[in-house]
Amino acid sequence: MEFLTFDAFVSIPILMVAYYGGVLLIPLLAIANRSFLLRWIRAFEGKFPHSKVRLFLLLGFFFIVFQVIWRMMFETIIGYFQMREYLQQLAG
């Protein structure tokens, strides 16, 4: 009944599903679009020596940074909802 009157939120479990869905879906989308990435890498191959290795390292770095930011974003939102629940317990 608390769910129907909005006294209890379902946001934390849904946010966790969205987080893990993104963690799994984003690499799969990157693999599915690898032809775009390979065309982009081939465009730089002739212009710069060792550009392929550098671009792969750069893409790997950005992938890891994006995953950390993705995690921090969801931790912040979940922390907000946990603080809200705690403050409601203190008040009531």
Protein backbone atom coordinates (compact mmCIF):
# COMPACT_ATOMS: atom_id res chain seq x y z
CA MET A 1 0.00 0.00 0.00
CA GLU A 2 2.93 2.38 0.67
CA PHE A 3 3.92 2.02 -2.98
CA LEU A 4 0.49 3.16 -4.17
CA THR A 5 0.46 6.23 -1.90
CA PHE A 6 4.06 7.19 -2.80
CA ASP A 7 5.23 6.75 0.79
CA ALA A 8 7.81 4.27 -0.46
CA PHE A 9 9.78 4.69 -3.67
CA VAL A 10 10.85 1.96 -6.05
CA SER A 11 13.55 4.16 -7.50
CA ILE A 12 16.62 2.45 -5.99
CA PRO A 13 15.94 -1.01 -7.47
CA ILE A 14 14.98 0.54 -10.81
CA LEU A 15 18.12 2.71 -10.79
CA MET A 16 20.24 -0.37 -10.12
CA VAL A 17 18.65 -2.18 -13.06
CA ALA A 18 19.25 0.90 -15.27
CA TYR A 19 22.88 1.08 -14.11
CA TYR A 20 23.68 -2.56 -14.84
CA GLY A 21 21.71 -2.36 -18.08
CA GLY A 22 23.90 0.55 -19.17
CA VAL A 23 27.08 -1.18 -18.06
CA LEU A 24 26.23 -4.15 -20.27
CA LEU A 25 24.54 -2.30 -23.12
CA ILE A 26 27.13 0.42 -23.74
CA PRO A 27 30.01 -2.01 -24.55
CA LEU A 28 27.65 -4.05 -26.74
CA LEU A 29 26.69 -0.92 -28.67
CA ALA A 30 30.36 -0.03 -29.06
CA ILE A 31 31.07 -3.49 -30.45
CA ALA A 32 28.08 -3.24 -32.78
CA ASN A 33 29.35 0.10 -34.08
CA ARG A 34 32.96 -0.98 -34.41
CA SER A 35 32.88 -0.35 -38.17
CA PHE A 36 32.46 3.37 -37.43
CA LEU A 37 35.38 3.28 -35.00
CA LEU A 38 37.56 1.36 -37.47
CA ARG A 39 36.81 3.89 -40.25
CA TRP A 40 37.75 6.67 -37.87
CA ILE A 41 41.00 4.94 -36.95
CA ARG A 42 41.88 4.25 -40.61
CA ALA A 43 41.45 7.94 -41.38
CA PHE A 44 44.34 8.74 -39.02
CA GLU A 45 46.63 5.81 -39.91
CA GLY A 46 48.44 7.48 -42.79
CA LYS A 47 48.80 10.85 -41.13
CA PHE A 48 50.44 9.93 -37.84
CA PRO A 49 52.88 7.14 -37.03
CA HIS A 50 51.64 4.70 -34.39
CA SER A 51 48.27 6.41 -34.44
CA LYS A 52 46.37 3.11 -34.29
CA VAL A 53 47.90 2.15 -30.94
CA ARG A 54 47.42 5.64 -29.55
CA LEU A 55 43.80 5.78 -30.64
CA PHE A 56 43.05 2.37 -29.12
CA LEU A 57 44.66 3.47 -25.86
CA LEU A 58 42.71 6.73 -25.96
CA LEU A 59 39.44 4.90 -26.63
CA GLY A 60 40.18 2.49 -23.79
CA PHE A 61 40.94 5.38 -21.45
CA PHE A 62 37.72 7.19 -22.35
CA PHE A 63 35.74 3.97 -21.95
CA ILE A 64 37.05 3.49 -18.41
CA VAL A 65 36.47 7.15 -17.52
CA PHE A 66 32.92 6.95 -18.89
CA GLN A 67 32.22 3.82 -16.82
CA VAL A 68 33.47 5.56 -13.65
CA ILE A 69 31.34 8.64 -14.36
CA TRP A 70 28.34 6.39 -15.09
CA ARG A 71 28.85 4.71 -11.70
CA MET A 72 29.29 8.00 -9.83
CA MET A 73 26.13 9.41 -11.37
CA PHE A 74 24.04 6.49 -10.13
CA GLU A 75 25.72 6.48 -6.71
CA THR A 76 24.79 10.16 -6.31
CA ILE A 77 21.16 9.59 -7.24
CA ILE A 78 20.86 6.51 -5.01
CA GLY A 79 22.53 8.39 -2.15
CA TYR A 80 19.97 11.17 -2.51
CA PHE A 81 17.07 8.73 -2.21
CA GLN A 82 18.68 6.99 0.78
CA MET A 83 19.14 10.34 2.55
CA ARG A 84 15.52 11.22 1.83
CA GLU A 85 14.31 7.93 3.34
CA TYR A 86 16.53 8.45 6.39
CA LEU A 87 15.23 11.99 6.93
CA GLN A 88 11.67 10.74 6.65
CA GLN A 89 12.39 8.14 9.34
CA LEU A 90 13.83 10.84 11.61
CA ALA A 91 10.83 13.10 11.07
CA GLY A 92 8.17 10.47 11.47
